[in-house]
PDB file of all heavy atoms in Angstrom:
ATOM      1  N   GLY A   1      19.623 -40.057-190.995  1.00  0.00           N
ATOM      2  CA  GLY A   1      20.073 -40.150-192.378  1.00  0.00           C
ATOM      3  C   GLY A   1      21.562 -39.978-192.555  1.00  0.00           C
ATOM      4  O   GLY A   1      22.362 -40.572-191.825  1.00  0.00           O
ATOM      5  N   ALA A   2      21.954 -39.135-193.518  1.00  0.00           N
ATOM      6  CA  ALA A   2      23.365 -38.931-193.840  1.00  0.00           C
ATOM      7  C   ALA A   2      23.981 -37.740-193.125  1.00  0.00           C
ATOM      8  O   ALA A   2      25.134 -37.393-193.397  1.00  0.00           O
ATOM      9  CB  ALA A   2      23.517 -38.763-195.358  1.00  0.00           C
ATOM     10  N   TYR A   3      23.246 -37.132-192.225  1.00  0.00           N
ATOM     11  CA  TYR A   3      23.816 -36.001-191.462  1.00  0.00           C
ATOM     12  C   TYR A   3      24.908 -36.560-190.553  1.00  0.00           C
ATOM     13  O   TYR A   3      24.640 -37.368-189.664  1.00  0.00           O
ATOM     14  CB  TYR A   3      22.732 -35.323-190.631  1.00  0.00           C
ATOM     15  CG  TYR A   3      21.607 -34.728-191.450  1.00  0.00           C
ATOM     16  CD1 TYR A   3      20.439 -35.454-191.686  1.00  0.00           C
ATOM     17  CD2 TYR A   3      21.706 -33.440-191.982  1.00  0.00           C
ATOM     18  CE1 TYR A   3      19.397 -34.902-192.430  1.00  0.00           C
ATOM     19  CE2 TYR A   3      20.670 -32.898-192.729  1.00  0.00           C
ATOM     20  CZ  TYR A   3      19.521 -33.638-192.944  1.00  0.00           C
ATOM     21  OH  TYR A   3      18.493 -33.106-193.696  1.00  0.00           O
ATOM     22  N   SER A   4      26.127 -36.106-190.743  1.00  0.00           N
ATOM     23  CA  SER A   4      27.251 -36.683-190.003  1.00  0.00           C
ATOM     24  C   SER A   4      27.315 -36.201-188.567  1.00  0.00           C
ATOM     25  O   SER A   4      27.938 -36.846-187.715  1.00  0.00           O
ATOM     26  CB  SER A   4      28.580 -36.378-190.712  1.00  0.00           C
ATOM     27  OG  SER A   4      28.779 -34.990-190.811  1.00  0.00           O
ATOM     28  N   ASP A   5      26.690 -35.062-188.250  1.00  0.00           N
ATOM     29  CA  ASP A   5      26.670 -34.542-186.891  1.00  0.00           C
ATOM     30  C   ASP A   5      25.272 -33.971-186.636  1.00  0.00           C
ATOM     31  O   ASP A   5      25.058 -32.758-186.693  1.00  0.00           O
ATOM     32  CB  ASP A   5      27.754 -33.466-186.698  1.00  0.00           C
ATOM     33  CG  ASP A   5      27.942 -33.077-185.248  1.00  0.00           C
ATOM     34  OD1 ASP A   5      27.024 -33.331-184.436  1.00  0.00           O
ATOM     35  OD2 ASP A   5      28.987 -32.497-184.923  1.00  0.00           O
ATOM     36  N   PHE A   6      24.331 -34.853-186.358  1.00  0.00           N
ATOM     37  CA  PHE A   6      22.951 -34.392-186.228  1.00  0.00           C
ATOM     38  C   PHE A   6      22.711 -33.513-185.014  1.00  0.00           C
ATOM     39  O   PHE A   6      21.855 -32.627-185.067  1.00  0.00           O
ATOM     40  CB  PHE A   6      21.988 -35.581-186.239  1.00  0.00           C
ATOM     41  CG  PHE A   6      20.582 -35.191-186.570  1.00  0.00           C
ATOM     42  CD1 PHE A   6      20.284 -34.579-187.788  1.00  0.00           C
ATOM     43  CD2 PHE A   6      19.542 -35.425-185.676  1.00  0.00           C
ATOM     44  CE1 PHE A   6      18.974 -34.211-188.098  1.00  0.00           C
ATOM     45  CE2 PHE A   6      18.242 -35.056-185.992  1.00  0.00           C
ATOM     46  CZ  PHE A   6      17.960 -34.440-187.199  1.00  0.00           C
ATOM     47  N   PRO A   7      23.421 -33.687-183.883  1.00  0.00           N
ATOM     48  CA  PRO A   7      23.240 -32.724-182.795  1.00  0.00           C
ATOM     49  C   PRO A   7      23.471 -31.281-183.235  1.00  0.00           C
ATOM     50  O   PRO A   7      22.773 -30.372-182.774  1.00  0.00           O
ATOM     51  CB  PRO A   7      24.260 -33.182-181.755  1.00  0.00           C
ATOM     52  CG  PRO A   7      24.336 -34.662-181.962  1.00  0.00           C
ATOM     53  CD  PRO A   7      24.252 -34.830-183.453  1.00  0.00           C
ATOM     54  N   LYS A   8      24.438 -31.062-184.132  1.00  0.00           N
ATOM     55  CA  LYS A   8      24.659 -29.703-184.628  1.00  0.00           C
ATOM     56  C   LYS A   8      23.472 -29.209-185.443  1.00  0.00           C
ATOM     57  O   LYS A   8      23.148 -28.014-185.425  1.00  0.00           O
ATOM     58  CB  LYS A   8      25.946 -29.649-185.444  1.00  0.00           C
ATOM     59  CG  LYS A   8      27.214 -29.668-184.600  1.00  0.00           C
ATOM     60  CD  LYS A   8      28.439 -29.437-185.457  1.00  0.00           C
ATOM     61  CE  LYS A   8      29.706 -29.398-184.592  1.00  0.00           C
ATOM     62  NZ  LYS A   8      30.923 -29.175-185.418  1.00  0.00           N
ATOM     63  N   VAL A   9      22.825 -30.116-186.149  1.00  0.00           N
ATOM     64  CA  VAL A   9      21.633 -29.745-186.910  1.00  0.00           C
ATOM     65  C   VAL A   9      20.522 -29.296-185.942  1.00  0.00           C
ATOM     66  O   VAL A   9      19.892 -28.245-186.120  1.00  0.00           O
ATOM     67  CB  VAL A   9      21.147 -30.922-187.773  1.00  0.00           C
ATOM     68  CG1 VAL A   9      19.841 -30.565-188.477  1.00  0.00           C
ATOM     69  CG2 VAL A   9      22.208 -31.307-188.804  1.00  0.00           C
ATOM     70  N   LEU A  10      20.287 -30.097-184.910  1.00  0.00           N
ATOM     71  CA  LEU A  10      19.252 -29.764-183.945  1.00  0.00           C
ATOM     72  C   LEU A  10      19.597 -28.474-183.193  1.00  0.00           C
ATOM     73  O   LEU A  10      18.718 -27.644-182.929  1.00  0.00           O
ATOM     74  CB  LEU A  10      19.053 -30.924-182.966  1.00  0.00           C
ATOM     75  CG  LEU A  10      18.578 -32.238-183.600  1.00  0.00           C
ATOM     76  CD1 LEU A  10      18.490 -33.326-182.540  1.00  0.00           C
ATOM     77  CD2 LEU A  10      17.238 -32.060-184.283  1.00  0.00           C
ATOM     78  N   ALA A  11      20.868 -28.311-182.860  1.00  0.00           N
ATOM     79  CA  ALA A  11      21.295 -27.097-182.149  1.00  0.00           C
ATOM     80  C   ALA A  11      21.127 -25.869-183.032  1.00  0.00           C
ATOM     81  O   ALA A  11      20.801 -24.779-182.534  1.00  0.00           O
ATOM     82  CB  ALA A  11      22.735 -27.242-181.681  1.00  0.00           C
ATOM     83  N   SER A  12      21.341 -26.018-184.338  1.00  0.00           N
ATOM     84  CA  SER A  12      21.176 -24.873-185.228  1.00  0.00           C
ATOM     85  C   SER A  12      19.712 -24.460-185.323  1.00  0.00           C
ATOM     86  O   SER A  12      19.399 -23.280-185.427  1.00  0.00           O
ATOM     87  CB  SER A  12      21.735 -25.189-186.623  1.00  0.00           C
ATOM     88  OG  SER A  12      20.967 -26.181-187.275  1.00  0.00           O
ATOM     89  N   LEU A  13      18.789 -25.439-185.249  1.00  0.00           N
ATOM     90  CA  LEU A  13      17.364 -25.095-185.182  1.00  0.00           C
ATOM     91  C   LEU A  13      17.056 -24.371-183.881  1.00  0.00           C
ATOM     92  O   LEU A  13      16.321 -23.383-183.874  1.00  0.00           O
ATOM     93  CB  LEU A  13      16.517 -26.362-185.312  1.00  0.00           C
ATOM     94  CG  LEU A  13      15.002 -26.192-185.203  1.00  0.00           C
ATOM     95  CD1 LEU A  13      14.460 -25.224-186.246  1.00  0.00           C
ATOM     96  CD2 LEU A  13      14.299 -27.534-185.312  1.00  0.00           C
ATOM     97  N   ALA A  14      17.635 -24.835-182.793  1.00  0.00           N
ATOM     98  CA  ALA A  14      17.434 -24.156-181.504  1.00  0.00           C
ATOM     99  C   ALA A  14      17.944 -22.724-181.555  1.00  0.00           C
ATOM    100  O   ALA A  14      17.325 -21.799-181.008  1.00  0.00           O
ATOM    101  CB  ALA A  14      18.126 -24.937-180.377  1.00  0.00           C
ATOM    102  N   ALA A  15      19.083 -22.510-182.218  1.00  0.00           N
ATOM    103  CA  ALA A  15      19.656 -21.171-182.309  1.00  0.00           C
ATOM    104  C   ALA A  15      18.744 -20.201-183.054  1.00  0.00           C
ATOM    105  O   ALA A  15      18.878 -18.980-182.921  1.00  0.00           O
ATOM    106  CB  ALA A  15      21.023 -21.228-182.991  1.00  0.00           C
ATOM    107  N   GLU A  16      17.794 -20.753-183.823  1.00  0.00           N
ATOM    108  CA  GLU A  16      16.861 -19.907-184.570  1.00  0.00           C
ATOM    109  C   GLU A  16      15.601 -19.582-183.770  1.00  0.00           C
ATOM    110  O   GLU A  16      14.653 -19.011-184.300  1.00  0.00           O
ATOM    111  CB  GLU A  16      16.512 -20.565-185.892  1.00  0.00           C
ATOM    112  CG  GLU A  16      17.716 -20.681-186.831  1.00  0.00           C
ATOM    113  CD  GLU A  16      17.372 -21.246-188.196  1.00  0.00           C
ATOM    114  OE1 GLU A  16      16.181 -21.302-188.549  1.00  0.00           O
ATOM    115  OE2 GLU A  16      18.318 -21.619-188.924  1.00  0.00           O
ATOM    116  N   GLY A  17      15.567 -19.985-182.497  1.00  0.00           N
ATOM    117  CA  GLY A  17      14.471 -19.560-181.643  1.00  0.00           C
ATOM    118  C   GLY A  17      13.499 -20.623-181.200  1.00  0.00           C
ATOM    119  O   GLY A  17      12.358 -20.307-180.835  1.00  0.00           O
ATOM    120  N   PHE A  18      13.938 -21.888-181.186  1.00  0.00           N
ATOM    121  CA  PHE A  18      13.100 -22.991-180.747  1.00  0.00           C
ATOM    122  C   PHE A  18      13.820 -23.781-179.642  1.00  0.00           C
ATOM    123  O   PHE A  18      15.029 -23.961-179.713  1.00  0.00           O
ATOM    124  CB  PHE A  18      12.808 -23.966-181.894  1.00  0.00           C
ATOM    125  CG  PHE A  18      12.196 -23.323-183.112  1.00  0.00           C
ATOM    126  CD1 PHE A  18      12.997 -22.784-184.109  1.00  0.00           C
ATOM    127  CD2 PHE A  18      10.812 -23.264-183.254  1.00  0.00           C
ATOM    128  CE1 PHE A  18      12.439 -22.194-185.231  1.00  0.00           C
ATOM    129  CE2 PHE A  18      10.239 -22.672-184.383  1.00  0.00           C
ATOM    130  CZ  PHE A  18      11.060 -22.143-185.370  1.00  0.00           C
ATOM    131  N   THR A  19      13.073 -24.240-178.655  1.00  0.00           N
ATOM    132  CA  THR A  19      13.625 -25.284-177.793  1.00  0.00           C
ATOM    133  C   THR A  19      13.398 -26.601-178.535  1.00  0.00           C
ATOM    134  O   THR A  19      12.281 -26.903-178.946  1.00  0.00           O
ATOM    135  CB  THR A  19      12.945 -25.308-176.422  1.00  0.00           C
ATOM    136  OG1 THR A  19      13.283 -24.110-175.718  1.00  0.00           O
ATOM    137  CG2 THR A  19      13.415 -26.512-175.612  1.00  0.00           C
ATOM    138  N   VAL A  20      14.467 -27.371-178.706  1.00  0.00           N
ATOM    139  CA  VAL A  20      14.416 -28.587-179.518  1.00  0.00           C
ATOM    140  C   VAL A  20      14.696 -29.792-178.620  1.00  0.00           C
ATOM    141  O   VAL A  20      15.631 -29.766-177.812  1.00  0.00           O
ATOM    142  CB  VAL A  20      15.422 -28.524-180.672  1.00  0.00           C
ATOM    143  CG1 VAL A  20      15.388 -29.815-181.496  1.00  0.00           C
ATOM    144  CG2 VAL A  20      15.145 -27.310-181.569  1.00  0.00           C
ATOM    145  N   ALA A  21      13.899 -30.810-178.753  1.00  0.00           N
ATOM    146  CA  ALA A  21      14.058 -32.016-177.945  1.00  0.00           C
ATOM    147  C   ALA A  21      14.125 -33.237-178.857  1.00  0.00           C
ATOM    148  O   ALA A  21      13.299 -33.389-179.760  1.00  0.00           O
ATOM    149  CB  ALA A  21      12.906 -32.164-176.961  1.00  0.00           C
ATOM    150  N   SER A  22      15.114 -34.096-178.636  1.00  0.00           N
ATOM    151  CA  SER A  22      15.264 -35.318-179.406  1.00  0.00           C
ATOM    152  C   SER A  22      14.993 -36.507-178.491  1.00  0.00           C
ATOM    153  O   SER A  22      15.666 -36.671-177.473  1.00  0.00           O
ATOM    154  CB  SER A  22      16.673 -35.403-180.006  1.00  0.00           C
ATOM    155  OG  SER A  22      16.808 -36.517-180.846  1.00  0.00           O
ATOM    156  N   VAL A  23      14.025 -37.333-178.869  1.00  0.00           N
ATOM    157  CA  VAL A  23      13.413 -38.286-177.942  1.00  0.00           C
ATOM    158  C   VAL A  23      13.852 -39.724-178.199  1.00  0.00           C
ATOM    159  O   VAL A  23      13.869 -40.179-179.345  1.00  0.00           O
ATOM    160  CB  VAL A  23      11.870 -38.222-178.052  1.00  0.00           C
ATOM    161  CG1 VAL A  23      11.202 -39.203-177.108  1.00  0.00           C
ATOM    162  CG2 VAL A  23      11.392 -36.815-177.768  1.00  0.00           C
ATOM    163  N   GLU A  24      14.204 -40.442-177.130  1.00  0.00           N
ATOM    164  CA  GLU A  24      14.325 -41.897-177.188  1.00  0.00           C
ATOM    165  C   GLU A  24      12.962 -42.497-176.839  1.00  0.00           C
ATOM    166  O   GLU A  24      12.178 -41.911-176.084  1.00  0.00           O
ATOM    167  CB  GLU A  24      15.347 -42.399-176.152  1.00  0.00           C
ATOM    168  CG  GLU A  24      16.776 -42.018-176.467  1.00  0.00           C
ATOM    169  CD  GLU A  24      17.437 -42.957-177.465  1.00  0.00           C
ATOM    170  OE1 GLU A  24      16.752 -43.902-177.951  1.00  0.00           O
ATOM    171  OE2 GLU A  24      18.611 -42.737-177.801  1.00  0.00           O
ATOM    172  N   TYR A  25      12.701 -43.692-177.378  1.00  0.00           N
ATOM    173  CA  TYR A  25      11.462 -44.386-177.072  1.00  0.00           C
ATOM    174  C   TYR A  25      11.760 -45.881-177.009  1.00  0.00           C
ATOM    175  O   TYR A  25      12.822 -46.337-177.472  1.00  0.00           O
ATOM    176  CB  TYR A  25      10.381 -44.094-178.127  1.00  0.00           C
ATOM    177  CG  TYR A  25      10.859 -44.282-179.554  1.00  0.00           C
ATOM    178  CD1 TYR A  25      10.784 -45.520-180.184  1.00  0.00           C
ATOM    179  CD2 TYR A  25      11.381 -43.205-180.277  1.00  0.00           C
ATOM    180  CE1 TYR A  25      11.208 -45.695-181.488  1.00  0.00           C
ATOM    181  CE2 TYR A  25      11.821 -43.365-181.585  1.00  0.00           C
ATOM    182  CZ  TYR A  25      11.730 -44.615-182.196  1.00  0.00           C
ATOM    183  OH  TYR A  25      12.154 -44.786-183.493  1.00  0.00           O
ATOM    184  N   ARG A  26      10.865 -46.652-176.440  1.00  0.00           N
ATOM    185  CA  ARG A  26      11.075 -48.098-176.379  1.00  0.00           C
ATOM    186  C   ARG A  26      11.086 -48.668-177.786  1.00  0.00           C
ATOM    187  O   ARG A  26      10.174 -48.423-178.579  1.00  0.00           O
ATOM    188  CB  ARG A  26       9.983 -48.750-175.527  1.00  0.00           C
ATOM    189  CG  ARG A  26      10.201 -48.598-174.018  1.00  0.00           C
ATOM    190  CD  ARG A  26       9.001 -49.087-173.246  1.00  0.00           C
ATOM    191  NE  ARG A  26       7.854 -48.183-173.418  1.00  0.00           N
ATOM    192  CZ  ARG A  26       6.655 -48.402-172.914  1.00  0.00           C
ATOM    193  NH1 ARG A  26       6.424 -49.526-172.221  1.00  0.00           N
ATOM    194  NH2 ARG A  26       5.674 -47.535-173.083  1.00  0.00           N
ATOM    195  N   LEU A  27      12.122 -49.452-178.087  1.00  0.00           N
ATOM    196  CA  LEU A  27      12.235 -50.054-179.399  1.00  0.00           C
ATOM    197  C   LEU A  27      11.359 -51.303-179.468  1.00  0.00           C
ATOM    198  O   LEU A  27      10.904 -51.830-178.462  1.00  0.00           O
ATOM    199  CB  LEU A  27      13.702 -50.367-179.684  1.00  0.00           C
ATOM    200  CG  LEU A  27      14.637 -49.149-179.642  1.00  0.00           C
ATOM    201  CD1 LEU A  27      16.090 -49.563-179.843  1.00  0.00           C
ATOM    202  CD2 LEU A  27      14.223 -48.099-180.669  1.00  0.00           C
ATOM    203  N   SER A  28      11.149 -51.781-180.689  1.00  0.00           N
ATOM    204  CA  SER A  28      10.130 -52.821-180.899  1.00  0.00           C
ATOM    205  C   SER A  28      10.463 -54.137-180.228  1.00  0.00           C
ATOM    206  O   SER A  28       9.547 -54.894-179.884  1.00  0.00           O
ATOM    207  CB  SER A  28       9.906 -53.026-182.394  1.00  0.00           C
ATOM    208  OG  SER A  28      11.129 -53.352-183.057  1.00  0.00           O
ATOM    209  N   HIS A  29      11.750 -54.437-180.010  1.00  0.00           N
ATOM    210  CA  HIS A  29      12.090 -55.656-179.301  1.00  0.00           C
ATOM    211  C   HIS A  29      11.934 -55.503-177.789  1.00  0.00           C
ATOM    212  O   HIS A  29      11.982 -56.483-177.046  1.00  0.00           O
ATOM    213  CB  HIS A  29      13.526 -56.116-179.635  1.00  0.00           C
ATOM    214  CG  HIS A  29      13.619 -56.766-180.973  1.00  0.00           C
ATOM    215  ND1 HIS A  29      14.077 -56.105-182.093  1.00  0.00           N
ATOM    216  CD2 HIS A  29      13.296 -58.015-181.384  1.00  0.00           C
ATOM    217  CE1 HIS A  29      14.047 -56.931-183.131  1.00  0.00           C
ATOM    218  NE2 HIS A  29      13.580 -58.096-182.738  1.00  0.00           N
ATOM    219  N   GLU A  30      11.769 -54.257-177.337  1.00  0.00           N
ATOM    220  CA  GLU A  30      11.502 -54.002-175.934  1.00  0.00           C
ATOM    221  C   GLU A  30      10.001 -54.005-175.638  1.00  0.00           C
ATOM    222  O   GLU A  30       9.552 -54.553-174.629  1.00  0.00           O
ATOM    223  CB  GLU A  30      12.077 -52.655-175.528  1.00  0.00           C
ATOM    224  CG  GLU A  30      13.589 -52.533-175.644  1.00  0.00           C
ATOM    225  CD  GLU A  30      14.066 -51.135-175.331  1.00  0.00           C
ATOM    226  OE1 GLU A  30      13.867 -50.228-176.176  1.00  0.00           O
ATOM    227  OE2 GLU A  30      14.648 -50.936-174.252  1.00  0.00           O
ATOM    228  N   ALA A  31       9.240 -53.389-176.555  1.00  0.00           N
ATOM    229  CA  ALA A  31       7.793 -53.292-176.357  1.00  0.00           C
ATOM    230  C   ALA A  31       7.157 -52.975-177.700  1.00  0.00           C
ATOM    231  O   ALA A  31       7.619 -52.085-178.423  1.00  0.00           O
ATOM    232  CB  ALA A  31       7.444 -52.204-175.342  1.00  0.00           C
ATOM    233  N   ALA A  32       6.111 -53.700-178.034  1.00  0.00           N
ATOM    234  CA  ALA A  32       5.447 -53.501-179.313  1.00  0.00           C
ATOM    235  C   ALA A  32       4.551 -52.267-179.273  1.00  0.00           C
ATOM    236  O   ALA A  32       4.310 -51.671-178.217  1.00  0.00           O
ATOM    237  CB  ALA A  32       4.607 -54.739-179.658  1.00  0.00           C
ATOM    238  N   PHE A  33       4.064 -51.875-180.443  1.00  0.00           N
ATOM    239  CA  PHE A  33       3.115 -50.780-180.543  1.00  0.00           C
ATOM    240  C   PHE A  33       1.896 -51.082-179.656  1.00  0.00           C
ATOM    241  O   PHE A  33       1.465 -52.232-179.586  1.00  0.00           O
ATOM    242  CB  PHE A  33       2.665 -50.622-182.013  1.00  0.00           C
ATOM    243  CG  PHE A  33       1.748 -49.474-182.249  1.00  0.00           C
ATOM    244  CD1 PHE A  33       2.238 -48.217-182.448  1.00  0.00           C
ATOM    245  CD2 PHE A  33       0.357 -49.657-182.219  1.00  0.00           C
ATOM    246  CE1 PHE A  33       1.375 -47.137-182.618  1.00  0.00           C
ATOM    247  CE2 PHE A  33      -0.506 -48.602-182.407  1.00  0.00           C
ATOM    248  CZ  PHE A  33       0.005 -47.343-182.609  1.00  0.00           C
ATOM    249  N   PRO A  34       1.376 -50.073-178.931  1.00  0.00           N
ATOM    250  CA  PRO A  34       1.592 -48.640-179.068  1.00  0.00           C
ATOM    251  C   PRO A  34       2.651 -48.036-178.150  1.00  0.00           C
ATOM    252  O   PRO A  34       2.673 -46.820-177.972  1.00  0.00           O
ATOM    253  CB  PRO A  34       0.214 -48.074-178.751  1.00  0.00           C
ATOM    254  CG  PRO A  34      -0.326 -49.001-177.707  1.00  0.00           C
ATOM    255  CD  PRO A  34       0.166 -50.376-178.098  1.00  0.00           C
ATOM    256  N   ALA A  35       3.522 -48.865-177.555  1.00  0.00           N
ATOM    257  CA  ALA A  35       4.483 -48.342-176.593  1.00  0.00           C
ATOM    258  C   ALA A  35       5.331 -47.182-177.129  1.00  0.00           C
ATOM    259  O   ALA A  35       5.490 -46.168-176.430  1.00  0.00           O
ATOM    260  CB  ALA A  35       5.380 -49.466-176.093  1.00  0.00           C
ATOM    261  N   PRO A  36       5.895 -47.265-178.360  1.00  0.00           N
ATOM    262  CA  PRO A  36       6.724 -46.139-178.817  1.00  0.00           C
ATOM    263  C   PRO A  36       5.950 -44.831-178.907  1.00  0.00           C
ATOM    264  O   PRO A  36       6.481 -43.779-178.546  1.00  0.00           O
ATOM    265  CB  PRO A  36       7.189 -46.603-180.204  1.00  0.00           C
ATOM    266  CG  PRO A  36       7.063 -48.080-180.198  1.00  0.00           C
ATOM    267  CD  PRO A  36       5.880 -48.373-179.330  1.00  0.00           C
TER     268      PRO A  36
END
């Protein structure tokens, strides 16, 4: 969205006591559903 530095957002959630993972997946021009 409009978050200008989303890694900082995810890191701030991690700082509150969670391991946070941000995932890449195959995009639709690479492989159709259910691949993602």
